[in-house]
């Protein structure tokens, strides 16, 4: 595999509120493009063709990246799923809204999501796939979460699971699976993990899980083709249990079985992304639709350690604050706006989706809403008008019961991180000279380390104020 990297010096400032312009003509349909947000699950930076992997077959994602913009330095807000998912919808760091790890809480109704923002602009909103920021079944009971389905957060329609399912036959536990979720060969988490608008789904749940999801996305788009819509499509692929159908494994005859399953299910997901884009063309709405794609974090721990999944040349994996846990594959396509062959190495993040969509539809931040927005509008970045990000990036993952309190800040080319493990060490890296984090400078540069620790503490204090009620009405 051939992974090529470039680096540019980047300067960061802290910006908490972003004024966004109103469109010249609010009735103009071109000011209300359709928005589709695609996200894979545990797909490493190196597990896609457009980042240099010449083995995995992702022709449709590669086409998206080639026909639109490829983000070469795109970060998940956290090195695991639930916190990142909330950041995609709110434009805020996970520590602000209190989802610090997987299965810890749920999205608060006090948060403003992209779906709620767009509904005020006349959009229909649908959510499809893995929710994982609250239970989706009303009678589901757990000690680490609560009922907070997509319908509580602006979505008119949803077809969703609370958390992970097998990537093939999502209602059945794989025969060789010996971990959480179900007994080998038996039902997966009771056998019916999907809920459609509050009702348990029992039909059309076999085969490739990405196809199962897309079978619900397509009718939603067809029903809303004459008006603007938001479709949030969060695939389970390639989260464990990783299983691919035989027709997809056959595409990789020279690989071992575990890698056949990983690459096979990624190719199956890619096929459904191609199906989605073809439907947009068929309906004549492709040019008025912007599609974003990213993963929610780096590759799964065990798969990365065994060389099955890849973070490319970057150090680390899921659950770690190193680049491999945070950097993810990402691209966007919008035929009428984004020129083909665009790429950027400006550091971008999942917190940037909300302010970007707000700018696209002309939604301005109301003066009375003083809550911090941590992301930036990516349109100037995509247009090449911005070469340096004007805002620090803060990442966090916390499970204090297990002693986990991982944090990181990127300010300019400097990155300070605290390892996400009990009594994790502080480490300092110059990402311009050392993008693969091989040379820890914390001991030899104590002043730089202290400066960044102070910035991180200030950001964390701001997040705690938000989390403890400063951003919510009582």
Protein backbone atom coordinates (compact mmCIF):
# COMPACT_ATOMS: atom_id res chain seq x y z
CA UNK A 1 0.00 0.00 0.00
CA UNK A 2 1.23 3.48 -0.83
CA UNK A 3 0.28 6.16 1.68
CA UNK A 4 1.54 9.65 0.81
CA UNK A 5 1.46 12.47 3.31
CA UNK A 6 2.02 16.20 3.13
CA UNK A 7 2.11 18.74 5.92
CA UNK A 8 1.53 22.47 6.08
CA UNK A 9 2.05 24.90 8.96
CA UNK A 10 -1.27 25.71 10.63
CA UNK A 11 -2.16 28.44 13.13
CA UNK A 12 -5.09 28.11 15.52
CA UNK A 13 -7.29 30.58 17.37
CA UNK A 14 -10.24 29.95 19.69
CA UNK A 15 -13.55 30.94 18.06
CA UNK A 16 -16.77 30.13 19.87
CA UNK A 17 -19.45 31.82 17.78
CA UNK A 18 -19.65 32.02 13.99
CA UNK A 19 -21.94 34.56 12.25
CA UNK A 20 -23.44 33.01 9.14
CA UNK A 21 -25.03 35.00 6.29
CA UNK A 22 -28.63 34.80 5.18
CA UNK A 23 -29.17 33.77 1.54
CA UNK A 24 -29.94 36.52 -0.97
CA UNK A 25 -33.26 34.87 -1.76
CA UNK A 26 -34.64 32.51 0.86
CA UNK A 27 -37.21 31.18 -1.64
CA UNK A 28 -34.54 30.15 -4.14
CA UNK A 29 -34.35 26.33 -4.22
CA UNK A 30 -30.62 26.54 -4.91
CA UNK A 31 -30.24 28.10 -1.45
CA UNK A 32 -31.77 24.92 0.03
CA UNK A 33 -29.69 22.03 -1.30
CA UNK A 34 -30.30 18.52 -0.08
CA UNK A 35 -27.81 17.40 2.55
CA UNK A 36 -26.63 13.80 2.96
CA UNK A 37 -24.27 12.87 5.79
CA UNK A 38 -22.66 9.45 5.39
CA UNK A 39 -20.54 7.89 8.12
CA UNK A 40 -18.80 4.55 8.39
CA UNK A 41 -18.00 2.91 11.73
CA UNK A 42 -14.41 2.11 12.79
CA UNK A 43 -13.04 2.58 9.26
CA UNK A 44 -9.38 3.48 9.54
CA UNK A 45 -7.71 6.30 7.60
CA UNK A 46 -5.92 3.67 5.55
CA UNK A 47 -8.92 1.47 4.74
CA UNK A 48 -10.14 3.34 1.66
CA UNK A 49 -8.76 3.63 -1.83
CA UNK A 50 -8.60 7.43 -2.00
CA UNK A 51 -6.08 7.48 0.86
CA UNK A 52 -3.68 5.20 -0.98
CA UNK A 53 -4.88 1.69 -0.14
CA UNK A 54 -4.47 -0.12 -3.47
CA UNK A 55 -6.07 -3.39 -2.29
CA UNK A 56 -9.47 -2.47 -0.85
CA UNK A 57 -12.09 -1.86 -3.54
CA UNK A 58 -13.93 1.41 -2.87
CA UNK A 59 -14.63 2.77 -6.38
CA UNK A 60 -17.64 4.87 -5.37
CA UNK A 61 -15.94 6.55 -2.43
CA UNK A 62 -12.87 7.09 -4.60
CA UNK A 63 -15.11 8.72 -7.22
CA UNK A 64 -16.64 10.99 -4.57
CA UNK A 65 -13.19 12.11 -3.46
CA UNK A 66 -12.06 12.65 -7.07
CA UNK A 67 -15.21 14.51 -8.14
CA UNK A 68 -15.34 16.68 -5.03
CA UNK A 69 -12.98 17.40 -2.14
CA UNK A 70 -10.70 15.02 -0.28
CA UNK A 71 -9.96 16.01 3.31
CA UNK A 72 -6.44 14.76 4.04
CA UNK A 73 -6.43 15.81 7.70
CA UNK A 74 -9.96 15.17 8.95
CA UNK A 75 -10.45 14.40 12.64
CA UNK A 76 -13.18 12.66 14.58
CA UNK A 77 -14.05 14.58 17.75
CA UNK A 78 -13.19 11.51 19.83
CA UNK A 79 -11.43 8.18 19.24
CA UNK A 80 -14.68 6.23 19.59
CA UNK A 81 -18.20 6.28 18.24
CA UNK A 82 -20.83 7.86 20.50
CA UNK A 83 -19.00 11.11 21.32
CA UNK A 84 -18.15 11.66 17.65
CA UNK A 85 -21.74 11.08 16.51
CA UNK A 86 -23.05 13.83 18.75
CA UNK A 87 -20.39 16.22 17.45
CA UNK A 88 -21.56 15.62 13.85
CA UNK A 89 -25.06 16.82 14.73
CA UNK A 90 -24.29 19.69 17.13
CA UNK A 91 -21.01 21.27 16.01
CA UNK A 92 -19.85 20.94 19.61
CA UNK A 93 -17.21 18.99 21.47
CA UNK A 94 -18.53 15.83 23.18
CA UNK A 95 -17.45 17.12 26.59
CA UNK A 96 -19.99 19.96 26.16
CA UNK A 97 -23.05 17.71 25.87
CA UNK A 98 -21.89 14.96 28.19
CA UNK A 99 -21.38 11.90 25.97
CA UNK A 100 -17.84 11.06 26.98
CA UNK A 101 -17.68 7.44 25.81
CA UNK A 102 -19.82 4.74 24.22
CA UNK A 103 -23.06 3.88 26.04
CA UNK A 104 -22.62 6.71 28.53
CA UNK A 105 -25.76 8.84 28.53
CA UNK A 106 -27.59 10.07 25.45
CA UNK A 107 -28.15 13.22 23.42
CA UNK A 108 -29.84 15.93 25.48
CA UNK A 109 -32.97 17.48 24.02
CA UNK A 110 -31.48 20.84 24.98
CA UNK A 111 -28.92 20.49 22.20
CA UNK A 112 -29.67 21.97 18.78
CA UNK A 113 -28.99 19.49 15.98
CA UNK A 114 -28.54 19.92 12.24
CA UNK A 115 -31.93 18.25 11.79
CA UNK A 116 -33.67 20.78 14.06
CA UNK A 117 -31.92 23.67 12.34
CA UNK A 118 -32.90 22.45 8.86
CA UNK A 119 -36.51 21.70 9.79
CA UNK A 120 -36.94 25.42 10.48
CA UNK A 121 -35.84 25.95 6.88
CA UNK A 122 -38.54 23.62 5.56
CA UNK A 123 -36.43 20.47 5.29
CA UNK A 124 -37.55 16.90 5.90
CA UNK A 125 -35.06 14.97 7.99
CA UNK A 126 -34.36 11.24 8.10
CA UNK A 127 -31.87 9.21 10.11
CA UNK A 128 -30.81 5.71 9.05
CA UNK A 129 -28.42 3.21 10.63
CA UNK A 130 -26.48 3.26 13.88
CA UNK A 131 -27.69 5.98 16.27
CA UNK A 132 -25.68 5.21 19.44
CA UNK A 133 -26.39 8.51 21.20
CA UNK A 134 -29.38 7.19 23.16
CA UNK A 135 -31.61 4.14 23.18
CA UNK A 136 -34.04 3.80 20.27
CA UNK A 137 -36.39 1.28 21.92
CA UNK A 138 -38.78 2.85 24.42
CA UNK A 139 -38.68 -0.13 26.81
CA UNK A 140 -34.93 -0.64 26.51
CA UNK A 141 -33.32 -0.40 29.93
CA UNK A 142 -29.65 0.00 30.64
CA UNK A 143 -27.42 1.46 33.32
CA UNK A 144 -25.21 3.44 30.91
CA UNK A 145 -27.74 5.24 28.73
CA UNK A 146 -31.34 6.33 28.32
CA UNK A 147 -34.13 6.60 25.74
CA UNK A 148 -33.31 9.44 23.37
CA UNK A 149 -34.26 8.43 19.81
CA UNK A 150 -33.74 10.48 16.62
CA UNK A 151 -37.36 11.70 16.79
CA UNK A 152 -36.42 13.68 19.92
CA UNK A 153 -33.78 15.57 17.93
CA UNK A 154 -35.51 16.82 14.81
CA UNK A 155 -35.78 13.73 12.62
CA UNK A 156 -39.15 13.10 10.96
CA UNK A 157 -38.27 9.55 10.04
CA UNK A 158 -35.76 7.08 11.42
CA UNK A 159 -34.69 3.50 10.84
CA UNK A 160 -32.09 2.91 13.49
CA UNK A 161 -30.37 0.66 15.97
CA UNK A 162 -29.14 1.72 19.36
CA UNK A 163 -25.65 0.35 18.72
CA UNK A 164 -23.62 -2.18 16.72
CA UNK A 165 -24.95 -5.10 14.68
CA UNK A 166 -23.13 -7.69 12.55
CA UNK A 167 -22.30 -6.30 9.12
CA UNK A 168 -23.93 -9.33 7.46
CA UNK A 169 -27.27 -10.73 8.67
CA UNK A 170 -27.62 -8.05 11.37
CA UNK A 171 -30.21 -10.00 13.39
CA UNK A 172 -27.95 -13.06 13.84
CA UNK A 173 -24.81 -13.53 15.91
CA UNK A 174 -22.00 -14.87 13.70
CA UNK A 175 -21.18 -18.52 14.31
CA UNK A 176 -17.55 -17.73 15.18
CA UNK A 177 -18.35 -14.77 17.46
CA UNK A 178 -17.50 -15.30 21.15
CA UNK A 179 -17.92 -11.87 22.67
CA UNK A 180 -20.79 -9.49 23.56
CA UNK A 181 -24.11 -9.25 21.72
CA UNK A 182 -25.34 -12.83 21.58
CA UNK A 183 -24.46 -16.51 21.57
CA UNK A 184 -22.79 -17.85 18.41
CA UNK A 185 -25.44 -18.67 15.81
CA UNK A 186 -28.24 -17.22 17.96
CA UNK A 187 -30.22 -13.96 17.79
CA UNK A 188 -28.26 -10.72 17.98
CA UNK A 189 -29.42 -8.66 20.97
CA UNK A 190 -32.84 -10.29 20.92
CA UNK A 191 -32.98 -10.70 17.15
CA UNK A 192 -34.60 -7.41 16.11
CA UNK A 193 -32.22 -4.49 16.68
CA UNK A 194 -33.84 -2.06 14.20
CA UNK A 195 -36.64 0.37 15.01
CA UNK A 196 -38.58 2.30 12.35
CA UNK A 197 -40.34 5.37 13.74
CA UNK A 198 -40.82 3.66 17.11
CA UNK A 199 -41.92 0.27 15.75
CA UNK A 200 -39.82 -2.88 15.88
CA UNK A 201 -38.71 -3.96 12.37
CA UNK A 202 -38.98 -7.65 11.46
CA UNK A 203 -38.82 -7.65 7.64
CA UNK A 204 -35.99 -7.25 5.12
CA UNK A 205 -33.18 -7.67 7.62
CA UNK A 206 -31.00 -10.36 6.02
CA UNK A 207 -27.81 -10.12 3.99
CA UNK A 208 -25.59 -7.07 3.82
CA UNK A 209 -26.41 -4.58 6.55
CA UNK A 210 -25.44 -1.58 4.40
CA UNK A 211 -28.01 -2.73 1.83
CA UNK A 212 -30.60 -3.15 4.61
CA UNK A 213 -30.01 0.48 5.57
CA UNK A 214 -30.00 1.83 2.01
CA UNK A 215 -33.30 0.04 1.28
CA UNK A 216 -34.84 2.52 3.74
CA UNK A 217 -32.86 5.56 2.62
CA UNK A 218 -33.91 5.34 -1.04
CA UNK A 219 -37.70 5.52 -0.39
CA UNK A 220 -37.17 8.51 1.92
CA UNK A 221 -35.28 10.35 -0.81
CA UNK A 222 -37.87 9.44 -3.45
CA UNK A 223 -40.67 10.72 -1.21
CA UNK A 224 -38.86 14.03 -0.62
CA UNK A 225 -37.34 14.66 -4.05
CA UNK A 226 -39.49 17.76 -4.64
CA UNK A 227 -38.41 19.55 -1.46
CA UNK A 228 -35.16 19.86 0.48
CA UNK A 229 -34.16 16.99 2.76
CA UNK A 230 -31.48 15.89 5.20
CA UNK A 231 -30.53 12.21 5.14
CA UNK A 232 -28.18 11.11 7.91
CA UNK A 233 -26.87 7.65 6.98
CA UNK A 234 -24.64 6.07 9.59
CA UNK A 235 -23.46 2.63 8.48
CA UNK A 236 -22.39 -0.08 10.94
CA UNK A 237 -19.61 -1.14 8.59
CA UNK A 238 -16.87 -2.07 9.38
CA UNK A 239 -17.53 -2.24 13.16
CA UNK A 240 -17.23 -5.68 14.73
CA UNK A 241 -18.71 -8.24 14.29
CA UNK A 242 -17.18 -7.85 10.82
CA UNK A 243 -18.79 -10.21 8.32
CA UNK A 244 -19.07 -10.07 4.54
CA UNK A 245 -21.20 -12.07 2.14
CA UNK A 246 -19.52 -14.67 -0.03
CA UNK A 247 -19.87 -12.58 -3.19
CA UNK A 248 -17.87 -9.81 -1.54
CA UNK A 249 -15.24 -12.07 0.01
CA UNK A 250 -14.61 -13.57 -3.43
CA UNK A 251 -13.34 -10.16 -4.54
CA UNK A 252 -10.29 -10.73 -2.31
CA UNK A 253 -9.05 -14.26 -3.10
CA UNK A 254 -5.49 -13.62 -1.93
CA UNK A 255 -6.35 -12.34 1.55
CA UNK A 256 -6.92 -14.26 4.78
CA UNK A 257 -10.48 -14.75 5.97
CA UNK A 258 -10.52 -11.90 8.50
CA UNK A 259 -9.29 -9.40 5.94
CA UNK A 260 -11.72 -10.78 3.36
CA UNK A 261 -14.53 -10.00 5.78
CA UNK A 262 -13.23 -6.50 6.56
CA UNK A 263 -12.56 -5.46 2.98
CA UNK A 264 -15.61 -7.32 1.73
CA UNK A 265 -18.03 -5.46 3.99
CA UNK A 266 -16.33 -2.13 3.14
CA UNK A 267 -16.81 -2.88 -0.56
CA UNK A 268 -20.45 -3.80 0.11
CA UNK A 269 -20.96 -0.43 1.84
CA UNK A 270 -19.22 1.31 -1.05
CA UNK A 271 -21.61 -0.40 -3.46
CA UNK A 272 -24.57 1.07 -1.57
CA UNK A 273 -23.02 4.54 -1.69
CA UNK A 274 -22.83 4.11 -5.45
CA UNK A 275 -26.47 3.03 -5.47
CA UNK A 276 -27.38 6.19 -3.56
CA UNK A 277 -25.56 8.47 -5.99
CA UNK A 278 -27.14 6.73 -8.97
CA UNK A 279 -30.59 7.32 -7.46
CA UNK A 280 -29.81 11.03 -7.08
CA UNK A 281 -28.86 11.16 -10.76
CA UNK A 282 -31.99 9.25 -11.75
CA UNK A 283 -34.17 11.71 -9.82
CA UNK A 284 -32.38 14.69 -11.33
CA UNK A 285 -31.29 16.09 -7.95
CA UNK A 286 -27.60 15.18 -7.84
CA UNK A 287 -26.36 18.68 -8.64
CA UNK A 288 -28.46 20.15 -5.84
CA UNK A 289 -27.25 17.65 -3.23
CA UNK A 290 -24.15 17.91 -1.06
CA UNK A 291 -22.84 14.61 0.34
CA UNK A 292 -20.36 14.39 3.20
CA UNK A 293 -18.53 11.19 4.13
CA UNK A 294 -16.28 10.31 7.06
CA UNK A 295 -15.62 7.59 9.61
CA UNK A 296 -16.41 7.99 13.31
CA UNK A 297 -12.93 7.08 14.59
CA UNK A 298 -9.86 5.05 13.78
CA UNK A 299 -9.74 1.27 13.23
CA UNK A 300 -10.83 -1.14 15.98
CA UNK A 301 -8.14 -1.98 18.51
CA UNK A 302 -7.85 -5.73 17.91
CA UNK A 303 -8.14 -5.50 14.13
CA UNK A 304 -5.49 -2.79 13.97
CA UNK A 305 -3.08 -4.59 16.26
CA UNK A 306 -3.34 -7.73 14.11
CA UNK A 307 -2.74 -5.80 10.91
CA UNK A 308 -6.24 -6.44 9.59
CA UNK A 309 -7.50 -2.84 9.71
CA UNK A 310 -5.28 0.16 9.04
CA UNK A 311 -4.75 3.74 10.20
CA UNK A 312 -2.33 4.12 7.28
CA UNK A 313 1.03 5.45 8.39
CA UNK A 314 -0.37 6.98 11.56
CA UNK A 315 0.27 5.79 15.10
CA UNK A 316 -2.54 4.28 17.16
CA UNK A 317 -6.12 3.12 16.72
CA UNK A 318 -9.59 3.43 18.21
CA UNK A 319 -9.65 4.34 21.93
CA UNK A 320 -6.28 6.13 21.63
CA UNK A 321 -5.56 9.85 21.43
CA UNK A 322 -2.84 9.36 18.84
CA UNK A 323 -3.48 10.36 15.21
CA UNK A 324 -4.48 6.82 14.24
CA UNK A 325 -7.39 6.96 16.68
CA UNK A 326 -8.59 10.40 15.55
CA UNK A 327 -7.73 10.88 11.87
CA UNK A 328 -10.36 9.38 9.58
CA UNK A 329 -11.02 9.12 5.84
CA UNK A 330 -13.27 11.94 4.66
CA UNK A 331 -14.51 13.57 1.47
CA UNK A 332 -17.45 15.57 0.13
CA UNK A 333 -19.10 16.01 -3.25
CA UNK A 334 -21.42 18.73 -4.54
CA UNK A 335 -21.33 18.80 -8.35
CA UNK A 336 -22.67 22.32 -8.77
CA UNK A 337 -20.35 23.87 -6.18
CA UNK A 338 -17.19 21.85 -5.38
CA UNK A 339 -14.72 21.59 -8.30
CA UNK A 340 -13.46 18.12 -9.16
CA UNK A 341 -10.03 17.20 -7.87
CA UNK A 342 -10.14 19.47 -4.82
CA UNK A 343 -8.13 18.49 -1.76
CA UNK A 344 -7.11 20.19 1.47
CA UNK A 345 -4.68 19.52 4.26
CA UNK A 346 -6.22 22.10 6.58
CA UNK A 347 -7.20 20.27 9.76
CA UNK A 348 -10.96 19.72 9.71
CA UNK A 349 -13.28 17.86 12.08
CA UNK A 350 -16.71 16.38 12.66
CA UNK A 351 -17.55 19.48 14.73
CA UNK A 352 -17.40 21.44 11.47
CA UNK A 353 -20.48 19.83 9.89
CA UNK A 354 -23.11 21.98 11.63
CA UNK A 355 -21.54 25.40 10.92
CA UNK A 356 -20.84 24.30 7.33
CA UNK A 357 -24.44 23.22 6.73
CA UNK A 358 -25.63 26.40 8.46
CA UNK A 359 -23.58 28.46 6.02
CA UNK A 360 -24.88 26.45 3.06
CA UNK A 361 -28.53 27.11 3.90
CA UNK A 362 -27.97 30.64 5.20
CA UNK A 363 -28.81 30.00 8.83
CA UNK A 364 -27.43 32.77 11.03
CA UNK A 365 -26.66 32.33 14.70
CA UNK A 366 -29.18 34.23 16.81
CA UNK A 367 -27.72 36.78 19.20
CA UNK A 368 -29.70 35.37 22.13
CA UNK A 369 -28.15 31.95 21.59
CA UNK A 370 -24.75 32.39 23.19
CA UNK A 371 -23.90 28.70 23.37
CA UNK A 372 -20.43 27.88 22.01
CA UNK A 373 -20.12 26.31 18.58
CA UNK A 374 -16.72 24.66 18.27
CA UNK A 375 -16.62 24.00 14.53
CA UNK A 376 -15.87 26.19 11.54
CA UNK A 377 -17.49 26.67 8.13
CA UNK A 378 -15.62 24.38 5.72
CA UNK A 379 -16.73 26.15 2.53
CA UNK A 380 -13.88 28.70 2.58
CA UNK A 381 -11.49 25.81 3.24
CA UNK A 382 -12.87 23.87 0.28
CA UNK A 383 -12.67 26.97 -1.95
CA UNK A 384 -9.02 27.39 -0.99
CA UNK A 385 -9.64 30.76 0.67
CA UNK A 386 -8.48 29.41 4.05
CA UNK A 387 -5.05 27.79 4.29
CA UNK A 388 -4.82 27.69 8.06
CA UNK A 389 -7.47 26.72 10.58
CA UNK A 390 -8.26 29.55 12.96
CA UNK A 391 -9.30 27.40 15.89
CA UNK A 392 -7.75 24.85 18.21
CA UNK A 393 -9.12 21.32 18.21
CA UNK A 394 -9.96 19.57 21.48
CA UNK A 395 -10.51 15.83 21.80
CA UNK A 396 -11.56 13.75 24.77
CA UNK A 397 -12.56 10.28 25.91
CA UNK A 398 -13.38 9.56 29.54
CA UNK A 399 -14.31 6.54 31.64
CA UNK A 400 -13.09 7.47 35.10
CA UNK A 401 -14.36 4.21 36.60
CA UNK A 402 -11.62 2.46 34.63
CA UNK A 403 -9.14 5.28 35.07
CA UNK A 404 -9.50 6.42 31.46
CA UNK A 405 -9.18 10.17 30.95
CA UNK A 406 -7.70 10.70 27.51
CA UNK A 407 -7.47 14.24 26.17
CA UNK A 408 -5.68 16.05 23.36
CA UNK A 409 -5.37 19.50 21.87
CA UNK A 410 -3.97 20.51 18.49
CA UNK A 411 -2.83 24.12 18.34
CA UNK A 412 -0.96 25.09 15.23
CA UNK A 413 1.28 22.17 14.38
CA UNK A 414 1.62 21.24 18.04
CA UNK A 415 -0.30 18.41 19.60
CA UNK A 416 -0.43 17.66 23.30
CA UNK A 417 -2.14 14.48 24.44
CA UNK A 418 -2.78 12.56 27.60
CA UNK A 419 -2.88 8.85 26.90
CA UNK A 420 -6.34 7.31 27.29
CA UNK A 421 -5.44 4.83 29.99
CA UNK A 422 -5.02 4.75 33.74
CA UNK A 423 -2.40 7.31 34.76
CA UNK A 424 -1.81 8.08 31.10
CA UNK A 425 1.32 10.06 30.27
CA UNK A 426 1.34 13.50 28.70
CA UNK A 427 3.05 13.58 25.31
CA UNK A 428 3.97 16.44 22.99
CA UNK A 429 4.43 16.20 19.23
CA UNK A 430 5.31 18.59 16.43
CA UNK A 431 2.97 17.30 13.72
CA UNK A 432 4.68 19.36 11.01
CA UNK A 433 7.96 17.51 11.49
CA UNK A 434 6.59 14.35 13.08
CA UNK A 435 3.09 13.51 11.74
CA UNK A 436 3.48 9.89 12.82
CA UNK A 437 4.15 10.83 16.47
CA UNK A 438 7.45 9.06 16.91
CA UNK A 439 9.31 11.72 18.91
CA UNK A 440 7.74 12.78 22.23
CA UNK A 441 9.01 16.29 23.10
CA UNK A 442 7.21 16.75 26.43
CA UNK A 443 10.31 16.33 28.59
CA UNK A 444 12.61 18.52 26.53
CA UNK A 445 10.06 21.28 25.89
CA UNK A 446 8.34 21.87 29.26
CA UNK A 447 7.28 25.44 28.44
CA UNK A 448 5.46 24.38 25.29
CA UNK A 449 3.90 21.50 27.18
CA UNK A 450 2.68 23.80 29.95
CA UNK A 451 1.31 26.32 27.45
CA UNK A 452 -0.78 23.68 25.73
CA UNK A 453 -1.90 22.14 29.01
CA UNK A 454 -3.21 25.53 30.05
CA UNK A 455 -5.11 25.90 26.75
CA UNK A 456 -6.55 22.44 27.13
CA UNK A 457 -7.62 23.14 30.72
CA UNK A 458 -9.39 26.32 29.59
CA UNK A 459 -11.26 24.43 26.88
CA UNK A 460 -12.18 21.67 29.28
CA UNK A 461 -13.46 24.21 31.81
CA UNK A 462 -15.60 25.81 29.12
CA UNK A 463 -16.97 22.38 28.19
CA UNK A 464 -17.75 21.56 31.81
CA UNK A 465 -19.73 24.79 32.18
CA UNK A 466 -21.74 23.83 29.10
CA UNK A 467 -22.26 20.28 30.37
CA UNK A 468 -23.32 21.44 33.81
CA UNK A 469 -26.06 23.71 32.52
CA UNK A 470 -24.69 26.98 31.20
CA UNK A 471 -26.05 26.29 27.72
CA UNK A 472 -29.52 25.06 28.71
CA UNK A 473 -32.69 26.82 29.81
CA UNK A 474 -34.27 25.87 33.14
